[in-house]
N, C-alpha and C. Protein backbone atom coordinates (compact mmCIF):
# COMPACT_ATOMS: atom_id res chain seq x y z
N MET A 1 104.76 136.23 76.32
CA MET A 1 106.01 136.86 76.06
C MET A 1 105.85 138.37 76.08
N ASN A 2 106.67 139.06 76.79
CA ASN A 2 106.71 140.51 76.75
C ASN A 2 107.85 140.97 75.88
N PRO A 3 107.57 141.51 74.70
CA PRO A 3 108.67 141.96 73.80
C PRO A 3 109.51 143.04 74.50
N GLN A 4 110.79 142.99 74.21
CA GLN A 4 111.73 143.90 74.86
C GLN A 4 112.47 144.75 73.91
N ILE A 5 112.99 145.87 74.37
CA ILE A 5 113.95 146.68 73.71
C ILE A 5 115.26 146.41 74.42
N LEU A 6 116.27 145.98 73.61
CA LEU A 6 117.58 145.65 74.17
C LEU A 6 118.63 146.60 73.58
N TYR A 7 119.59 146.97 74.34
CA TYR A 7 120.71 147.77 73.83
C TYR A 7 121.89 146.89 73.72
N LEU A 8 122.29 146.56 72.45
CA LEU A 8 123.36 145.60 72.20
C LEU A 8 124.42 146.26 71.31
N SER A 9 125.62 145.76 71.43
CA SER A 9 126.76 146.21 70.58
C SER A 9 127.16 145.16 69.59
N PHE A 10 127.49 145.58 68.34
CA PHE A 10 127.90 144.64 67.37
C PHE A 10 129.33 144.17 67.65
N PHE A 11 129.50 142.89 67.57
CA PHE A 11 130.82 142.25 67.85
C PHE A 11 131.15 141.33 66.69
N PRO A 12 131.98 141.79 65.74
CA PRO A 12 132.25 140.98 64.55
C PRO A 12 132.92 139.67 64.78
N LEU A 13 133.74 139.52 65.82
CA LEU A 13 134.37 138.25 66.09
C LEU A 13 133.39 137.20 66.52
N GLY A 14 132.24 137.59 67.00
CA GLY A 14 131.21 136.71 67.40
C GLY A 14 130.12 136.61 66.40
N ASN A 15 130.20 137.33 65.27
CA ASN A 15 129.17 137.37 64.25
C ASN A 15 127.80 137.70 64.80
N GLY A 16 127.79 138.67 65.71
CA GLY A 16 126.48 139.02 66.29
C GLY A 16 126.57 140.14 67.28
N PHE A 17 125.67 140.12 68.24
CA PHE A 17 125.55 141.20 69.22
C PHE A 17 125.83 140.72 70.59
N LEU A 18 126.34 141.59 71.38
CA LEU A 18 126.58 141.35 72.80
C LEU A 18 126.11 142.51 73.62
N PHE A 19 125.77 142.31 74.87
CA PHE A 19 125.51 143.40 75.79
C PHE A 19 126.86 144.15 75.99
N PRO A 20 126.83 145.45 76.17
CA PRO A 20 128.10 146.19 76.31
C PRO A 20 129.05 145.61 77.43
N ASN A 21 128.43 145.15 78.52
CA ASN A 21 129.32 144.63 79.57
C ASN A 21 129.91 143.25 79.25
N GLU A 22 129.51 142.64 78.16
CA GLU A 22 130.07 141.37 77.71
C GLU A 22 131.21 141.50 76.68
N LEU A 23 131.44 142.75 76.25
CA LEU A 23 132.48 142.98 75.28
C LEU A 23 133.85 142.77 75.96
N PRO A 24 134.85 142.36 75.20
CA PRO A 24 136.20 142.23 75.80
C PRO A 24 136.68 143.61 76.32
N LYS A 25 137.56 143.55 77.28
CA LYS A 25 138.10 144.74 77.91
C LYS A 25 138.80 145.62 76.84
N ASP A 26 138.59 146.91 76.93
CA ASP A 26 139.14 147.93 76.01
C ASP A 26 138.67 147.74 74.55
N TYR A 27 137.51 147.05 74.40
CA TYR A 27 136.90 146.94 73.06
C TYR A 27 135.70 147.89 73.01
N TYR A 28 135.63 148.71 71.98
CA TYR A 28 134.53 149.66 71.87
C TYR A 28 133.79 149.39 70.59
N ALA A 29 132.49 149.47 70.69
CA ALA A 29 131.60 149.26 69.49
C ALA A 29 130.38 150.09 69.63
N PRO A 30 129.82 150.51 68.48
CA PRO A 30 128.56 151.27 68.58
C PRO A 30 127.42 150.32 69.03
N GLY A 31 126.45 150.91 69.69
CA GLY A 31 125.32 150.16 70.15
C GLY A 31 124.11 150.42 69.32
N LEU A 32 123.18 149.45 69.36
CA LEU A 32 121.88 149.57 68.69
C LEU A 32 120.82 149.23 69.67
N PHE A 33 119.65 149.91 69.52
CA PHE A 33 118.45 149.45 70.18
C PHE A 33 117.83 148.36 69.37
N ILE A 34 117.65 147.21 69.93
CA ILE A 34 117.10 146.05 69.20
C ILE A 34 115.70 145.82 69.78
N ALA A 35 114.69 145.79 68.86
CA ALA A 35 113.32 145.53 69.30
C ALA A 35 112.98 144.10 68.93
N GLU A 36 112.53 143.32 69.92
CA GLU A 36 112.14 141.96 69.68
C GLU A 36 110.84 141.89 68.94
N GLN A 37 110.70 140.90 68.09
CA GLN A 37 109.44 140.66 67.38
C GLN A 37 108.57 139.74 68.25
N ASP A 38 107.26 139.71 67.95
CA ASP A 38 106.40 138.78 68.66
C ASP A 38 106.52 137.39 68.03
N PRO A 39 105.92 136.36 68.59
CA PRO A 39 106.13 135.00 68.09
C PRO A 39 105.75 134.80 66.60
N SER A 40 104.88 135.64 66.09
CA SER A 40 104.52 135.52 64.66
C SER A 40 105.50 136.19 63.76
N GLY A 41 106.49 136.91 64.30
CA GLY A 41 107.49 137.62 63.49
C GLY A 41 107.11 139.08 63.21
N SER A 42 106.03 139.54 63.74
CA SER A 42 105.59 140.92 63.57
C SER A 42 106.09 141.81 64.71
N LEU A 43 106.06 143.07 64.48
CA LEU A 43 106.39 144.03 65.54
C LEU A 43 105.14 144.26 66.36
N PRO A 44 105.25 144.15 67.70
CA PRO A 44 104.09 144.40 68.58
C PRO A 44 103.65 145.91 68.50
N TYR A 45 102.43 146.14 68.99
CA TYR A 45 101.95 147.47 69.06
C TYR A 45 102.70 148.36 69.98
N ALA A 46 103.22 147.81 71.12
CA ALA A 46 103.88 148.66 72.12
C ALA A 46 105.00 147.87 72.82
N TYR A 47 106.00 148.64 73.29
CA TYR A 47 107.09 148.11 74.09
C TYR A 47 107.20 148.92 75.30
N SER A 48 107.77 148.32 76.34
CA SER A 48 108.15 149.07 77.60
C SER A 48 109.63 148.85 77.72
N PHE A 49 110.33 149.92 78.17
CA PHE A 49 111.74 149.78 78.44
C PHE A 49 112.17 150.81 79.47
N ASP A 50 113.23 150.51 80.17
CA ASP A 50 113.77 151.36 81.20
C ASP A 50 114.80 152.33 80.64
N ALA A 51 114.79 153.55 81.18
CA ALA A 51 115.80 154.52 80.86
C ALA A 51 116.20 155.26 82.11
N MET A 52 117.33 155.91 82.10
CA MET A 52 117.74 156.68 83.24
C MET A 52 117.52 158.14 83.02
N ASP A 53 116.97 158.81 84.04
CA ASP A 53 116.69 160.25 83.99
C ASP A 53 117.21 160.86 85.27
N ALA A 54 118.32 161.63 85.14
CA ALA A 54 118.94 162.30 86.31
C ALA A 54 119.24 161.26 87.40
N GLY A 55 119.76 160.08 87.00
CA GLY A 55 120.14 159.07 87.99
C GLY A 55 119.03 158.19 88.51
N ARG A 56 117.77 158.41 87.98
CA ARG A 56 116.63 157.61 88.43
C ARG A 56 116.12 156.81 87.24
N ARG A 57 115.77 155.54 87.56
CA ARG A 57 115.21 154.64 86.57
C ARG A 57 113.77 155.08 86.23
N SER A 58 113.45 155.13 84.92
CA SER A 58 112.12 155.49 84.51
C SER A 58 111.67 154.50 83.42
N THR A 59 110.44 154.02 83.49
CA THR A 59 109.92 153.12 82.48
C THR A 59 109.18 153.92 81.43
N LEU A 60 109.60 153.71 80.18
CA LEU A 60 108.95 154.44 79.06
C LEU A 60 108.19 153.45 78.19
N LYS A 61 107.24 153.98 77.45
CA LYS A 61 106.42 153.21 76.52
C LYS A 61 106.70 153.65 75.12
N LEU A 62 106.99 152.69 74.27
CA LEU A 62 107.19 152.96 72.83
C LEU A 62 105.95 152.38 72.11
N PHE A 63 105.23 153.28 71.42
CA PHE A 63 103.98 152.86 70.72
C PHE A 63 104.09 152.99 69.20
N ARG A 64 103.48 152.08 68.47
CA ARG A 64 103.35 152.21 67.05
C ARG A 64 102.47 153.43 66.74
N GLN A 65 102.91 154.32 65.90
CA GLN A 65 102.24 155.56 65.62
C GLN A 65 100.88 155.28 64.95
N ASP A 66 100.84 154.38 63.95
CA ASP A 66 99.62 154.07 63.20
C ASP A 66 99.00 152.81 63.76
N GLU A 67 98.02 152.98 64.69
CA GLU A 67 97.42 151.85 65.35
C GLU A 67 96.73 150.90 64.38
N ALA A 68 96.21 151.46 63.27
CA ALA A 68 95.40 150.64 62.30
C ALA A 68 96.31 149.82 61.37
N ASP A 69 97.60 150.11 61.28
CA ASP A 69 98.45 149.39 60.33
C ASP A 69 99.47 148.51 61.10
N PRO A 70 99.19 147.20 61.17
CA PRO A 70 100.11 146.31 61.90
C PRO A 70 101.48 146.18 61.26
N GLU A 71 101.62 146.68 60.01
CA GLU A 71 102.90 146.60 59.29
C GLU A 71 103.76 147.85 59.46
N ALA A 72 103.16 148.92 60.08
CA ALA A 72 103.86 150.18 60.23
C ALA A 72 105.07 150.00 61.14
N ASN A 73 106.16 150.73 60.83
CA ASN A 73 107.36 150.56 61.59
C ASN A 73 107.76 151.88 62.26
N LEU A 74 106.88 152.92 62.26
CA LEU A 74 107.16 154.19 62.88
C LEU A 74 106.63 154.13 64.33
N TYR A 75 107.45 154.33 65.28
CA TYR A 75 107.08 154.28 66.72
C TYR A 75 107.40 155.60 67.41
N VAL A 76 106.76 155.87 68.51
CA VAL A 76 107.00 157.07 69.24
C VAL A 76 107.04 156.81 70.73
N VAL A 77 107.94 157.50 71.47
CA VAL A 77 107.94 157.62 72.91
C VAL A 77 107.61 159.02 73.27
N ARG A 78 106.62 159.21 74.07
CA ARG A 78 106.23 160.57 74.53
C ARG A 78 106.63 160.70 75.99
N THR A 79 107.36 161.75 76.28
CA THR A 79 107.81 161.95 77.66
C THR A 79 107.20 163.25 78.22
N GLU A 80 107.08 163.34 79.50
CA GLU A 80 106.53 164.50 80.13
C GLU A 80 107.40 165.73 80.03
N HIS A 81 108.71 165.50 80.25
CA HIS A 81 109.66 166.63 80.32
C HIS A 81 110.47 166.87 79.08
N TYR A 82 110.62 165.88 78.20
CA TYR A 82 111.55 165.97 77.08
C TYR A 82 110.85 165.94 75.71
N GLY A 83 109.58 165.84 75.66
CA GLY A 83 108.85 165.78 74.40
C GLY A 83 108.78 164.39 73.84
N ALA A 84 108.61 164.30 72.50
CA ALA A 84 108.44 163.04 71.80
C ALA A 84 109.72 162.65 71.11
N PHE A 85 109.96 161.37 71.09
CA PHE A 85 111.10 160.80 70.31
C PHE A 85 110.58 159.77 69.36
N TRP A 86 110.94 159.91 68.09
CA TRP A 86 110.44 159.06 67.04
C TRP A 86 111.46 158.02 66.61
N PHE A 87 111.02 156.82 66.35
CA PHE A 87 111.91 155.73 65.99
C PHE A 87 111.29 154.97 64.78
N SER A 88 112.16 154.68 63.80
CA SER A 88 111.75 153.86 62.71
C SER A 88 112.44 152.45 63.00
N LEU A 89 111.63 151.41 63.19
CA LEU A 89 112.18 150.13 63.49
C LEU A 89 112.46 149.42 62.20
N GLU A 90 113.71 149.07 61.99
CA GLU A 90 114.17 148.46 60.71
C GLU A 90 114.69 147.06 61.00
N PRO A 91 114.53 146.15 60.06
CA PRO A 91 115.01 144.78 60.30
C PRO A 91 116.51 144.71 60.33
N VAL A 92 117.00 143.79 61.14
CA VAL A 92 118.43 143.54 61.27
C VAL A 92 118.68 142.26 60.49
N ASN A 93 119.88 142.17 59.89
CA ASN A 93 120.28 140.96 59.17
C ASN A 93 120.02 139.77 60.07
N PRO A 94 119.22 138.79 59.66
CA PRO A 94 118.93 137.66 60.57
C PRO A 94 120.13 136.78 60.86
N GLU A 95 121.19 136.90 60.06
CA GLU A 95 122.36 136.12 60.43
C GLU A 95 123.07 136.61 61.69
N TYR A 96 122.81 137.86 62.04
CA TYR A 96 123.41 138.44 63.25
C TYR A 96 122.52 138.17 64.43
N ARG A 97 122.91 137.46 65.41
CA ARG A 97 122.15 137.08 66.56
C ARG A 97 122.90 137.46 67.81
N TYR A 98 122.15 137.46 68.95
CA TYR A 98 122.84 137.59 70.22
C TYR A 98 123.62 136.32 70.48
N GLY A 99 124.82 136.41 70.89
CA GLY A 99 125.55 135.20 71.18
C GLY A 99 126.77 135.56 72.05
N PHE A 100 126.78 135.04 73.24
CA PHE A 100 127.88 135.30 74.16
C PHE A 100 128.97 134.28 73.77
N VAL A 101 130.12 134.81 73.49
CA VAL A 101 131.31 133.99 73.22
C VAL A 101 132.45 134.50 74.03
N THR A 102 133.37 133.60 74.37
CA THR A 102 134.57 134.05 75.09
C THR A 102 135.69 134.25 74.08
N VAL A 103 136.30 135.37 74.04
CA VAL A 103 137.36 135.69 73.06
C VAL A 103 138.65 135.88 73.85
N THR A 104 139.67 135.14 73.40
CA THR A 104 140.98 135.27 74.03
C THR A 104 141.68 136.52 73.51
N HIS A 105 142.77 136.89 74.12
CA HIS A 105 143.50 138.03 73.63
C HIS A 105 144.09 137.90 72.24
N SER A 106 144.17 136.66 71.77
CA SER A 106 144.69 136.45 70.41
C SER A 106 143.55 136.50 69.39
N GLY A 107 142.31 136.66 69.88
CA GLY A 107 141.20 136.75 68.94
C GLY A 107 140.54 135.41 68.71
N GLN A 108 141.03 134.33 69.34
CA GLN A 108 140.43 133.03 69.19
C GLN A 108 139.17 132.91 70.02
N ARG A 109 138.14 132.26 69.42
CA ARG A 109 136.90 132.04 70.14
C ARG A 109 137.00 130.72 70.91
N ASN A 110 136.45 130.79 72.13
CA ASN A 110 136.40 129.57 72.97
C ASN A 110 134.94 129.07 73.06
């Protein structure tokens, strides 16, 4: 398994997260970067994810800052042109999961 970084939006009618293109039309929600855990439930040492830079796709690496501490949640992305970006990975309420649901205009789930 290759752990991923996903960009998902919170959707309360579905009690979870959806990809932005799965949200109902004219529905707006803040997005979060979600980091998958490894099969043991721990955060992996590193992640790869794609980002856009001036219209071009670029693959970035997110590394745990403290290599010796597998429980550390401080990660960094180092870029050639933009410097370093620091991230603190925090747990998300486990009741909220990714789940595609169809929502009618009346708010009913199908």
